PDB file of N, CA and C in Angstrom:
ATOM      1  N   MET A   1     -17.343 -13.049  -0.481  1.00  0.00           N
ATOM      2  CA  MET A   1     -16.530 -11.906   0.064  1.00  0.00           C
ATOM      3  C   MET A   1     -15.740 -11.212  -0.790  1.00  0.00           C
ATOM      4  N   LYS A   2     -14.913 -12.134  -1.820  1.00  0.00           N
ATOM      5  CA  LYS A   2     -13.960 -11.411  -2.865  1.00  0.00           C
ATOM      6  C   LYS A   2     -14.931 -10.453  -3.847  1.00  0.00           C
ATOM      7  N   LEU A   3     -16.002 -10.843  -4.052  1.00  0.00           N
ATOM      8  CA  LEU A   3     -16.987 -10.119  -4.984  1.00  0.00           C
ATOM      9  C   LEU A   3     -17.304  -8.837  -4.321  1.00  0.00           C
ATOM     10  N   ILE A   4     -17.612  -8.801  -2.967  1.00  0.00           N
ATOM     11  CA  ILE A   4     -18.099  -7.505  -2.408  1.00  0.00           C
ATOM     12  C   ILE A   4     -17.098  -6.591  -2.228  1.00  0.00           C
ATOM     13  N   PHE A   5     -15.510  -7.104  -2.152  1.00  0.00           N
ATOM     14  CA  PHE A   5     -14.603  -6.254  -1.946  1.00  0.00           C
ATOM     15  C   PHE A   5     -14.277  -5.709  -3.396  1.00  0.00           C
ATOM     16  N   ARG A   6     -14.404  -6.462  -4.476  1.00  0.00           N
ATOM     17  CA  ARG A   6     -14.112  -5.916  -5.782  1.00  0.00           C
ATOM     18  C   ARG A   6     -15.281  -4.722  -6.187  1.00  0.00           C
ATOM     19  N   LEU A   7     -16.281  -5.080  -5.894  1.00  0.00           N
ATOM     20  CA  LEU A   7     -17.624  -4.079  -6.072  1.00  0.00           C
ATOM     21  C   LEU A   7     -17.266  -2.734  -5.186  1.00  0.00           C
ATOM     22  N   ALA A   8     -16.931  -3.130  -4.102  1.00  0.00           N
ATOM     23  CA  ALA A   8     -16.510  -1.554  -3.159  1.00  0.00           C
ATOM     24  C   ALA A   8     -15.426  -1.017  -3.863  1.00  0.00           C
ATOM     25  N   ALA A   9     -14.490  -1.796  -4.304  1.00  0.00           N
ATOM     26  CA  ALA A   9     -13.284  -0.984  -5.006  1.00  0.00           C
ATOM     27  C   ALA A   9     -13.638  -0.321  -6.318  1.00  0.00           C
ATOM     28  N   LEU A  10     -14.517  -1.044  -7.197  1.00  0.00           N
ATOM     29  CA  LEU A  10     -14.905  -0.227  -8.403  1.00  0.00           C
ATOM     30  C   LEU A  10     -15.893   0.850  -8.116  1.00  0.00           C
ATOM     31  N   ALA A  11     -16.860   0.847  -6.793  1.00  0.00           N
ATOM     32  CA  ALA A  11     -17.476   1.992  -6.588  1.00  0.00           C
ATOM     33  C   ALA A  11     -16.455   3.232  -6.070  1.00  0.00           C
ATOM     34  N   LEU A  12     -15.529   2.873  -5.239  1.00  0.00           N
ATOM     35  CA  LEU A  12     -14.654   4.151  -4.826  1.00  0.00           C
ATOM     36  C   LEU A  12     -13.726   4.333  -6.186  1.00  0.00           C
ATOM     37  N   PHE A  13     -13.816   3.616  -7.013  1.00  0.00           N
ATOM     38  CA  PHE A  13     -12.692   4.216  -8.200  1.00  0.00           C
ATOM     39  C   PHE A  13     -13.644   5.079  -8.972  1.00  0.00           C
ATOM     40  N   ILE A  14     -14.941   4.687  -9.293  1.00  0.00           N
ATOM     41  CA  ILE A  14     -16.106   5.587 -10.135  1.00  0.00           C
ATOM     42  C   ILE A  14     -16.154   6.809  -9.419  1.00  0.00           C
ATOM     43  N   VAL A  15     -16.083   6.809  -8.110  1.00  0.00           N
ATOM     44  CA  VAL A  15     -16.361   8.296  -7.123  1.00  0.00           C
ATOM     45  C   VAL A  15     -15.296   8.963  -7.218  1.00  0.00           C
ATOM     46  N   PHE A  16     -14.040   8.373  -7.125  1.00  0.00           N
ATOM     47  CA  PHE A  16     -12.725   9.222  -7.283  1.00  0.00           C
ATOM     48  C   PHE A  16     -12.475   9.734  -8.649  1.00  0.00           C
ATOM     49  N   PHE A  17     -12.719   8.929  -9.820  1.00  0.00           N
ATOM     50  CA  PHE A  17     -12.725   9.212 -11.039  1.00  0.00           C
ATOM     51  C   PHE A  17     -13.529  10.369 -11.364  1.00  0.00           C
ATOM     52  N   ASP A  18     -14.874  10.495 -10.909  1.00  0.00           N
ATOM     53  CA  ASP A  18     -15.688  11.479 -11.055  1.00  0.00           C
ATOM     54  C   ASP A  18     -15.460  12.876 -10.467  1.00  0.00           C
ATOM     55  N   PHE A  19     -14.855  12.560  -9.197  1.00  0.00           N
ATOM     56  CA  PHE A  19     -14.176  13.618  -8.558  1.00  0.00           C
ATOM     57  C   PHE A  19     -13.176  14.229  -9.325  1.00  0.00           C
ATOM     58  N   ALA A  20     -12.159  13.638  -9.871  1.00  0.00           N
ATOM     59  CA  ALA A  20     -10.905  14.017 -10.757  1.00  0.00           C
ATOM     60  C   ALA A  20     -11.550  14.928 -11.958  1.00  0.00           C
ATOM     61  N   LEU A  21     -12.718  14.274 -12.529  1.00  0.00           N
ATOM     62  CA  LEU A  21     -13.134  14.874 -13.635  1.00  0.00           C
ATOM     63  C   LEU A  21     -13.783  16.235 -13.486  1.00  0.00           C
ATOM     64  N   LYS A  22     -14.553  16.498 -12.203  1.00  0.00           N
ATOM     65  CA  LYS A  22     -15.246  17.753 -11.945  1.00  0.00           C
ATOM     66  C   LYS A  22     -14.166  18.676 -11.491  1.00  0.00           C
ATOM     67  N   ASN A  23     -12.942  18.386 -11.063  1.00  0.00           N
ATOM     68  CA  ASN A  23     -11.800  19.414 -10.412  1.00  0.00           C
ATOM     69  C   ASN A  23     -10.771  19.374 -11.408  1.00  0.00           C
ATOM     70  N   THR A  24     -11.163  19.817 -12.662  1.00  0.00           N
ATOM     71  CA  THR A  24      -9.993  20.075 -13.620  1.00  0.00           C
ATOM     72  C   THR A  24      -9.763  21.610 -13.653  1.00  0.00           C
ATOM     73  N   ASP A  25     -10.319  22.446 -12.976  1.00  0.00           N
ATOM     74  CA  ASP A  25      -9.989  23.774 -12.845  1.00  0.00           C
ATOM     75  C   ASP A  25      -8.613  24.158 -12.508  1.00  0.00           C
ATOM     76  N   GLU A  26      -7.848  25.122 -13.247  1.00  0.00           N
ATOM     77  CA  GLU A  26      -6.489  25.280 -12.641  1.00  0.00           C
ATOM     78  C   GLU A  26      -6.489  26.296 -11.551  1.00  0.00           C
ATOM     79  N   VAL A  27      -5.642  25.814 -10.572  1.00  0.00           N
ATOM     80  CA  VAL A  27      -5.477  26.401  -9.340  1.00  0.00           C
ATOM     81  C   VAL A  27      -3.971  26.910  -9.236  1.00  0.00           C
ATOM     82  N   VAL A  28      -3.683  27.968  -8.417  1.00  0.00           N
ATOM     83  CA  VAL A  28      -2.339  28.604  -8.188  1.00  0.00           C
ATOM     84  C   VAL A  28      -1.949  28.173  -6.664  1.00  0.00           C
ATOM     85  N   LEU A  29      -0.846  27.518  -6.965  1.00  0.00           N
ATOM     86  CA  LEU A  29      -0.049  27.231  -5.587  1.00  0.00           C
ATOM     87  C   LEU A  29       1.079  28.100  -5.142  1.00  0.00           C
ATOM     88  N   HIS A  30       0.848  28.962  -4.138  1.00  0.00           N
ATOM     89  CA  HIS A  30       1.854  29.987  -3.829  1.00  0.00           C
ATOM     90  C   HIS A  30       2.694  29.383  -3.102  1.00  0.00           C
ATOM     91  N   PHE A  31       4.117  29.584  -3.401  1.00  0.00           N
ATOM     92  CA  PHE A  31       5.284  29.295  -2.529  1.00  0.00           C
ATOM     93  C   PHE A  31       5.850  30.331  -2.006  1.00  0.00           C
ATOM     94  N   PHE A  32       6.911  30.223  -1.145  1.00  0.00           N
ATOM     95  CA  PHE A  32       7.865  31.228  -0.599  1.00  0.00           C
ATOM     96  C   PHE A  32       8.542  32.110  -1.748  1.00  0.00           C
ATOM     97  N   TRP A  33       8.713  33.227  -1.651  1.00  0.00           N
ATOM     98  CA  TRP A  33       9.500  34.130  -2.171  1.00  0.00           C
ATOM     99  C   TRP A  33       8.868  34.597  -3.497  1.00  0.00           C
ATOM    100  N   GLY A  34       7.354  34.536  -3.635  1.00  0.00           N
ATOM    101  CA  GLY A  34       6.743  34.909  -4.619  1.00  0.00           C
ATOM    102  C   GLY A  34       6.620  34.038  -5.889  1.00  0.00           C
ATOM    103  N   SER A  35       7.292  32.706  -5.747  1.00  0.00           N
ATOM    104  CA  SER A  35       7.161  31.603  -6.721  1.00  0.00           C
ATOM    105  C   SER A  35       5.716  31.121  -6.702  1.00  0.00           C
ATOM    106  N   GLN A  36       5.282  30.594  -7.699  1.00  0.00           N
ATOM    107  CA  GLN A  36       3.898  29.735  -7.640  1.00  0.00           C
ATOM    108  C   GLN A  36       3.892  28.703  -8.830  1.00  0.00           C
ATOM    109  N   ALA A  37       3.118  27.816  -8.599  1.00  0.00           N
ATOM    110  CA  ALA A  37       2.790  26.787  -9.576  1.00  0.00           C
ATOM    111  C   ALA A  37       1.248  26.817 -10.029  1.00  0.00           C
ATOM    112  N   ARG A  38       1.083  26.485 -11.261  1.00  0.00           N
ATOM    113  CA  ARG A  38      -0.191  26.479 -11.833  1.00  0.00           C
ATOM    114  C   ARG A  38      -0.549  25.048 -12.299  1.00  0.00           C
ATOM    115  N   SER A  39      -1.471  24.454 -11.785  1.00  0.00           N
ATOM    116  CA  SER A  39      -1.937  23.283 -12.309  1.00  0.00           C
ATOM    117  C   SER A  39      -3.246  22.919 -12.139  1.00  0.00           C
ATOM    118  N   PRO A  40      -4.020  21.796 -12.631  1.00  0.00           N
ATOM    119  CA  PRO A  40      -5.171  21.317 -12.420  1.00  0.00           C
ATOM    120  C   PRO A  40      -5.246  20.785 -10.940  1.00  0.00           C
ATOM    121  N   MET A  41      -6.444  21.214 -10.154  1.00  0.00           N
ATOM    122  CA  MET A  41      -6.611  20.779  -8.757  1.00  0.00           C
ATOM    123  C   MET A  41      -6.338  19.372  -8.775  1.00  0.00           C
ATOM    124  N   ILE A  42      -6.587  18.524  -9.274  1.00  0.00           N
ATOM    125  CA  ILE A  42      -6.701  17.275  -9.220  1.00  0.00           C
ATOM    126  C   ILE A  42      -5.319  16.644  -9.166  1.00  0.00           C
ATOM    127  N   LEU A  43      -4.495  17.223  -9.991  1.00  0.00           N
ATOM    128  CA  LEU A  43      -2.952  16.762 -10.023  1.00  0.00           C
ATOM    129  C   LEU A  43      -2.311  17.248  -8.710  1.00  0.00           C
ATOM    130  N   LEU A  44      -2.647  18.628  -8.255  1.00  0.00           N
ATOM    131  CA  LEU A  44      -2.125  18.989  -6.902  1.00  0.00           C
ATOM    132  C   LEU A  44      -2.521  17.988  -5.769  1.00  0.00           C
ATOM    133  N   LEU A  45      -3.740  17.537  -5.753  1.00  0.00           N
ATOM    134  CA  LEU A  45      -4.183  16.616  -4.692  1.00  0.00           C
ATOM    135  C   LEU A  45      -3.595  15.362  -4.920  1.00  0.00           C
ATOM    136  N   LEU A  46      -3.254  14.821  -6.068  1.00  0.00           N
ATOM    137  CA  LEU A  46      -2.679  13.412  -6.408  1.00  0.00           C
ATOM    138  C   LEU A  46      -1.266  13.532  -5.882  1.00  0.00           C
ATOM    139  N   ALA A  47      -0.729  14.695  -6.162  1.00  0.00           N
ATOM    140  CA  ALA A  47       0.737  14.740  -5.749  1.00  0.00           C
ATOM    141  C   ALA A  47       1.092  14.946  -4.344  1.00  0.00           C
ATOM    142  N   PHE A  48      -0.012  15.637  -3.438  1.00  0.00           N
ATOM    143  CA  PHE A  48       0.010  15.795  -1.999  1.00  0.00           C
ATOM    144  C   PHE A  48      -0.250  14.262  -1.245  1.00  0.00           C
ATOM    145  N   PHE A  49      -1.102  13.607  -2.011  1.00  0.00           N
ATOM    146  CA  PHE A  49      -1.437  12.443  -1.532  1.00  0.00           C
ATOM    147  C   PHE A  49      -0.224  11.260  -1.592  1.00  0.00           C
ATOM    148  N   VAL A  50       0.467  11.330  -2.837  1.00  0.00           N
ATOM    149  CA  VAL A  50       1.673  10.573  -2.972  1.00  0.00           C
ATOM    150  C   VAL A  50       2.765  10.970  -1.896  1.00  0.00           C
ATOM    151  N   VAL A  51       2.906  12.161  -1.852  1.00  0.00           N
ATOM    152  CA  VAL A  51       3.875  12.740  -0.938  1.00  0.00           C
ATOM    153  C   VAL A  51       3.481  12.185   0.547  1.00  0.00           C
ATOM    154  N   GLY A  52       2.340  12.406   0.938  1.00  0.00           N
ATOM    155  CA  GLY A  52       1.910  12.081   2.162  1.00  0.00           C
ATOM    156  C   GLY A  52       2.244  10.452   2.370  1.00  0.00           C
ATOM    157  N   VAL A  53       1.850   9.585   1.331  1.00  0.00           N
ATOM    158  CA  VAL A  53       2.014   8.232   1.388  1.00  0.00           C
ATOM    159  C   VAL A  53       3.358   7.846   1.651  1.00  0.00           C
ATOM    160  N   ALA A  54       4.274   8.687   0.970  1.00  0.00           N
ATOM    161  CA  ALA A  54       5.621   8.305   0.805  1.00  0.00           C
ATOM    162  C   ALA A  54       6.269   8.757   2.345  1.00  0.00           C
ATOM    163  N   MET A  55       5.749   9.799   2.841  1.00  0.00           N
ATOM    164  CA  MET A  55       6.137  10.155   4.286  1.00  0.00           C
ATOM    165  C   MET A  55       5.682   9.213   5.359  1.00  0.00           C
ATOM    166  N   GLY A  56       4.385   8.623   5.018  1.00  0.00           N
ATOM    167  CA  GLY A  56       4.255   7.652   6.117  1.00  0.00           C
ATOM    168  C   GLY A  56       4.829   6.482   6.038  1.00  0.00           C
ATOM    169  N   VAL A  57       5.232   6.025   4.991  1.00  0.00           N
ATOM    170  CA  VAL A  57       6.013   4.879   4.647  1.00  0.00           C
ATOM    171  C   VAL A  57       7.505   4.835   5.266  1.00  0.00           C
ATOM    172  N   LEU A  58       7.918   6.115   4.975  1.00  0.00           N
ATOM    173  CA  LEU A  58       9.192   6.529   5.749  1.00  0.00           C
ATOM    174  C   LEU A  58       9.053   6.353   7.074  1.00  0.00           C
ATOM    175  N   ALA A  59       8.085   7.132   7.846  1.00  0.00           N
ATOM    176  CA  ALA A  59       7.855   6.974   9.176  1.00  0.00           C
ATOM    177  C   ALA A  59       7.790   5.675   9.781  1.00  0.00           C
ATOM    178  N   MET A  60       7.126   4.606   9.181  1.00  0.00           N
ATOM    179  CA  MET A  60       7.035   3.457   9.547  1.00  0.00           C
ATOM    180  C   MET A  60       8.281   2.442   9.372  1.00  0.00           C
ATOM    181  N   THR A  61       9.142   2.973   8.624  1.00  0.00           N
ATOM    182  CA  THR A  61      10.250   1.831   8.277  1.00  0.00           C
ATOM    183  C   THR A  61      11.056   1.497   9.476  1.00  0.00           C
ATOM    184  N   SER A  62      11.350   2.538  10.508  1.00  0.00           N
ATOM    185  CA  SER A  62      12.190   2.297  11.518  1.00  0.00           C
ATOM    186  C   SER A  62      11.216   1.362  12.496  1.00  0.00           C
ATOM    187  N   THR A  63      10.152   1.371  12.719  1.00  0.00           N
ATOM    188  CA  THR A  63       9.269   0.513  13.461  1.00  0.00           C
ATOM    189  C   THR A  63       9.230  -0.944  12.919  1.00  0.00           C
ATOM    190  N   VAL A  64       8.916  -0.994  11.777  1.00  0.00           N
ATOM    191  CA  VAL A  64       8.999  -2.427  11.112  1.00  0.00           C
ATOM    192  C   VAL A  64      10.301  -2.960  10.997  1.00  0.00           C
ATOM    193  N   LEU A  65      11.370  -2.290  10.792  1.00  0.00           N
ATOM    194  CA  LEU A  65      12.591  -2.940  10.958  1.00  0.00           C
ATOM    195  C   LEU A  65      13.137  -3.267  12.180  1.00  0.00           C
ATOM    196  N   ARG A  66      12.665  -2.536  13.362  1.00  0.00           N
ATOM    197  CA  ARG A  66      12.833  -2.834  14.893  1.00  0.00           C
ATOM    198  C   ARG A  66      11.973  -4.250  15.081  1.00  0.00           C
ATOM    199  N   TYR A  67      11.007  -4.415  14.587  1.00  0.00           N
ATOM    200  CA  TYR A  67       9.953  -5.455  14.816  1.00  0.00           C
ATOM    201  C   TYR A  67      10.596  -6.718  14.246  1.00  0.00           C
ATOM    202  N   ARG A  68      11.069  -6.507  12.855  1.00  0.00           N
ATOM    203  CA  ARG A  68      11.651  -7.680  12.171  1.00  0.00           C
ATOM    204  C   ARG A  68      12.910  -8.196  12.770  1.00  0.00           C
ATOM    205  N   ARG A  69      13.896  -7.309  13.424  1.00  0.00           N
ATOM    206  CA  ARG A  69      14.955  -7.617  14.061  1.00  0.00           C
ATOM    207  C   ARG A  69      14.563  -8.297  15.459  1.00  0.00           C
ATOM    208  N   GLU A  70      13.463  -7.979  16.159  1.00  0.00           N
ATOM    209  CA  GLU A  70      12.852  -8.540  17.358  1.00  0.00           C
ATOM    210  C   GLU A  70      12.478  -9.981  17.144  1.00  0.00           C
ATOM    211  N   LEU A  71      11.780 -10.076  16.104  1.00  0.00           N
ATOM    212  CA  LEU A  71      11.204 -11.212  15.600  1.00  0.00           C
ATOM    213  C   LEU A  71      12.136 -12.290  15.274  1.00  0.00           C
ATOM    214  N   SER A  72      13.483 -11.850  14.683  1.00  0.00           N
ATOM    215  CA  SER A  72      14.388 -12.846  14.355  1.00  0.00           C
ATOM    216  C   SER A  72      15.081 -13.376  15.532  1.00  0.00           C
ATOM    217  N   ARG A  73      15.341 -12.388  16.642  1.00  0.00           N
ATOM    218  CA  ARG A  73      15.886 -12.534  17.772  1.00  0.00           C
ATOM    219  C   ARG A  73      14.930 -13.694  18.557  1.00  0.00           C
ATOM    220  N   ILE A  74      13.655 -13.651  18.750  1.00  0.00           N
ATOM    221  CA  ILE A  74      12.775 -14.481  19.306  1.00  0.00           C
ATOM    222  C   ILE A  74      12.838 -15.782  18.701  1.00  0.00           C
ATOM    223  N   LYS A  75      12.797 -15.791  17.337  1.00  0.00           N
ATOM    224  CA  LYS A  75      12.925 -17.119  16.625  1.00  0.00           C
ATOM    225  C   LYS A  75      14.200 -17.793  16.803  1.00  0.00           C
ATOM    226  N   LYS A  76      15.413 -17.235  17.104  1.00  0.00           N
ATOM    227  CA  LYS A  76      16.592 -17.843  17.514  1.00  0.00           C
ATOM    228  C   LYS A  76      16.520 -18.352  18.871  1.00  0.00           C
ATOM    229  N   GLU A  77      15.929 -17.614  19.633  1.00  0.00           N
ATOM    230  CA  GLU A  77      15.998 -17.876  21.058  1.00  0.00           C
ATOM    231  C   GLU A  77      14.992 -19.217  21.337  1.00  0.00           C
ATOM    232  N   THR A  78      13.920 -19.257  20.463  1.00  0.00           N
ATOM    233  CA  THR A  78      13.078 -20.201  20.406  1.00  0.00           C
ATOM    234  C   THR A  78      13.583 -21.435  20.009  1.00  0.00           C
ATOM    235  N   GLU A  79      14.506 -21.348  18.986  1.00  0.00           N
ATOM    236  CA  GLU A  79      15.106 -22.617  18.373  1.00  0.00           C
ATOM    237  C   GLU A  79      16.066 -23.144  19.189  1.00  0.00           C
ATOM    238  N   GLN A  80      16.779 -22.358  19.866  1.00  0.00           N
ATOM    239  CA  GLN A  80      17.735 -22.764  20.923  1.00  0.00           C
ATOM    240  C   GLN A  80      17.106 -23.318  22.158  1.00  0.00           C
ATOM    241  N   LYS A  81      16.046 -22.920  22.546  1.00  0.00           N
ATOM    242  CA  LYS A  81      15.357 -23.514  23.775  1.00  0.00           C
ATOM    243  C   LYS A  81      14.896 -24.925  23.457  1.00  0.00           C
ATOM    244  N   LYS A  82      14.368 -24.807  22.020  1.00  0.00           N
ATOM    245  CA  LYS A  82      13.735 -26.195  21.611  1.00  0.00           C
ATOM    246  C   LYS A  82      14.735 -27.424  21.530  1.00  0.00           C
ATOM    247  N   SER A  83      16.064 -26.661  21.106  1.00  0.00           N
ATOM    248  CA  SER A  83      17.160 -27.761  20.862  1.00  0.00           C
ATOM    249  C   SER A  83      17.762 -28.129  22.239  1.00  0.00           C
ATOM    250  N   ASN A  84      17.793 -27.310  23.294  1.00  0.00           N
ATOM    251  CA  ASN A  84      17.965 -27.737  24.647  1.00  0.00           C
ATOM    252  C   ASN A  84      17.048 -28.723  25.288  1.00  0.00           C
ATOM    253  N   ALA A  85      15.624 -28.190  24.890  1.00  0.00           N
ATOM    254  CA  ALA A  85      14.649 -29.349  25.434  1.00  0.00           C
ATOM    255  C   ALA A  85      14.806 -30.939  24.847  1.00  0.00           C
ATOM    256  N   ASP A  86      15.078 -30.778  23.433  1.00  0.00           N
ATOM    257  CA  ASP A  86      15.136 -31.908  22.842  1.00  0.00           C
ATOM    258  C   ASP A  86      16.310 -32.723  23.394  1.00  0.00           C
ATOM    259  N   SER A  87      17.540 -31.986  23.682  1.00  0.00           N
ATOM    260  CA  SER A  87      18.839 -32.722  24.281  1.00  0.00           C
ATOM    261  C   SER A  87      18.486 -33.469  25.573  1.00  0.00           C
ATOM    262  N   VAL A  88      17.546 -32.332  26.530  1.00  0.00           N
ATOM    263  CA  VAL A  88      17.396 -32.819  27.741  1.00  0.00           C
ATOM    264  C   VAL A  88      16.525 -34.160  27.771  1.00  0.00           C
ATOM    265  N   ALA A  89      15.401 -34.064  27.005  1.00  0.00           N
ATOM    266  CA  ALA A  89      14.519 -35.089  26.628  1.00  0.00           C
ATOM    267  C   ALA A  89      15.366 -36.549  26.131  1.00  0.00           C
ATOM    268  N   ARG A  90      16.340 -36.392  25.293  1.00  0.00           N
ATOM    269  CA  ARG A  90      17.159 -37.613  24.978  1.00  0.00           C
ATOM    270  C   ARG A  90      18.022 -37.991  26.198  1.00  0.00           C
ATOM    271  N   LEU A  91      18.412 -37.111  26.910  1.00  0.00           N
ATOM    272  CA  LEU A  91      19.147 -37.733  28.002  1.00  0.00           C
ATOM    273  C   LEU A  91      18.339 -38.266  29.096  1.00  0.00           C
ATOM    274  N   ARG A  92      17.116 -37.834  29.207  1.00  0.00           N
ATOM    275  CA  ARG A  92      16.066 -38.521  30.156  1.00  0.00           C
ATOM    276  C   ARG A  92      15.804 -39.902  29.657  1.00  0.00           C
ATOM    277  N   GLU A  93      15.638 -39.992  28.572  1.00  0.00           N
ATOM    278  CA  GLU A  93      15.281 -41.424  27.864  1.00  0.00           C
ATOM    279  C   GLU A  93      16.325 -42.511  27.953  1.00  0.00           C
ATOM    280  N   GLN A  94      17.623 -42.156  28.174  1.00  0.00           N
ATOM    281  CA  GLN A  94      18.730 -43.067  28.582  1.00  0.00           C
ATOM    282  C   GLN A  94      18.537 -43.538  29.743  1.00  0.00           C
ATOM    283  N   PRO A  95      19.021 -44.945  29.948  1.00  0.00           N
ATOM    284  CA  PRO A  95      18.705 -45.552  31.173  1.00  0.00           C
ATOM    285  C   PRO A  95      20.092 -44.847  32.188  1.00  0.00           C
ATOM    286  N   SER A  96      19.648 -44.821  33.396  1.00  0.00           N
ATOM    287  CA  SER A  96      20.763 -44.341  34.316  1.00  0.00           C
ATOM    288  C   SER A  96      21.747 -45.391  34.678  1.00  0.00           C
ATOM    289  N   PRO A  97      22.817 -45.055  34.814  1.00  0.00           N
ATOM    290  CA  PRO A  97      23.930 -46.059  35.081  1.00  0.00           C
ATOM    291  C   PRO A  97      23.798 -46.649  36.386  1.00  0.00           C
ATOM    292  N   PRO A  98      24.210 -47.960  36.191  1.00  0.00           N
ATOM    293  CA  PRO A  98      24.032 -48.777  37.521  1.00  0.00           C
ATOM    294  C   PRO A  98      24.713 -48.089  38.913  1.00  0.00           C
ATOM    295  N   ALA A  99      24.010 -48.292  39.946  1.00  0.00           N
ATOM    296  CA  ALA A  99      24.590 -47.710  41.165  1.00  0.00           C
ATOM    297  C   ALA A  99      25.923 -48.446  41.749  1.00  0.00           C
ATOM    298  N   ASN A 100      25.868 -49.865  41.590  1.00  0.00           N
ATOM    299  CA  ASN A 100      26.851 -50.606  42.218  1.00  0.00           C
ATOM    300  C   ASN A 100      27.126 -51.591  41.268  1.00  0.00           C
ATOM    301  N   ILE A 101      28.330 -52.501  41.607  1.00  0.00           N
ATOM    302  CA  ILE A 101      28.991 -53.365  40.701  1.00  0.00           C
ATOM    303  C   ILE A 101      28.093 -54.587  40.875  1.00  0.00           C
ATOM    304  N   ILE A 102      27.000 -55.014  41.513  1.00  0.00           N
ATOM    305  CA  ILE A 102      26.137 -56.098  41.473  1.00  0.00           C
ATOM    306  C   ILE A 102      25.237 -55.784  40.444  1.00  0.00           C
ATOM    307  N   GLU A 103      24.395 -54.643  40.298  1.00  0.00           N
ATOM    308  CA  GLU A 103      23.769 -54.214  39.243  1.00  0.00           C
ATOM    309  C   GLU A 103      24.401 -54.320  38.083  1.00  0.00           C
ATOM    310  N   GLN A 104      25.644 -54.009  38.029  1.00  0.00           N
ATOM    311  CA  GLN A 104      26.395 -54.018  36.690  1.00  0.00           C
ATOM    312  C   GLN A 104      26.562 -55.570  35.981  1.00  0.00           C
ATOM    313  N   VAL A 105      26.690 -56.561  36.849  1.00  0.00           N
ATOM    314  CA  VAL A 105      26.822 -57.600  36.638  1.00  0.00           C
ATOM    315  C   VAL A 105      25.423 -58.488  36.273  1.00  0.00           C
ATOM    316  N   GLY A 106      24.416 -58.343  37.062  1.00  0.00           N
ATOM    317  CA  GLY A 106      23.003 -58.591  36.868  1.00  0.00           C
ATOM    318  C   GLY A 106      22.913 -59.586  37.963  1.00  0.00           C
ATOM    319  N   LEU A 107      23.293 -59.697  38.990  1.00  0.00           N
ATOM    320  CA  LEU A 107      23.193 -60.510  40.126  1.00  0.00           C
ATOM    321  C   LEU A 107      22.111 -60.178  41.102  1.00  0.00           C
TER     322      LEU A 107
END
């Protein structure tokens, strides 16, 4: 399985590397107010990809942090319930106190 994953990763790398080599033409990116940027197309594609990944990670941070807080809260509740169940089990294991004096003396 690991070999198949590595072969697929190698194939994707070769495809993307070939794509980068074929798109080295200079392109012009026009911004607002007449400004522009000239660079190879692959660099612009790479920059937009990196910015997109960064924005995706930033968008997911609040969700991940919320899930982590919820998970820690649930773990604390579980530990508390487990300790309560352990204490109840220990109390049930202890013999009940005798109901009257005759049982205390053993007659």
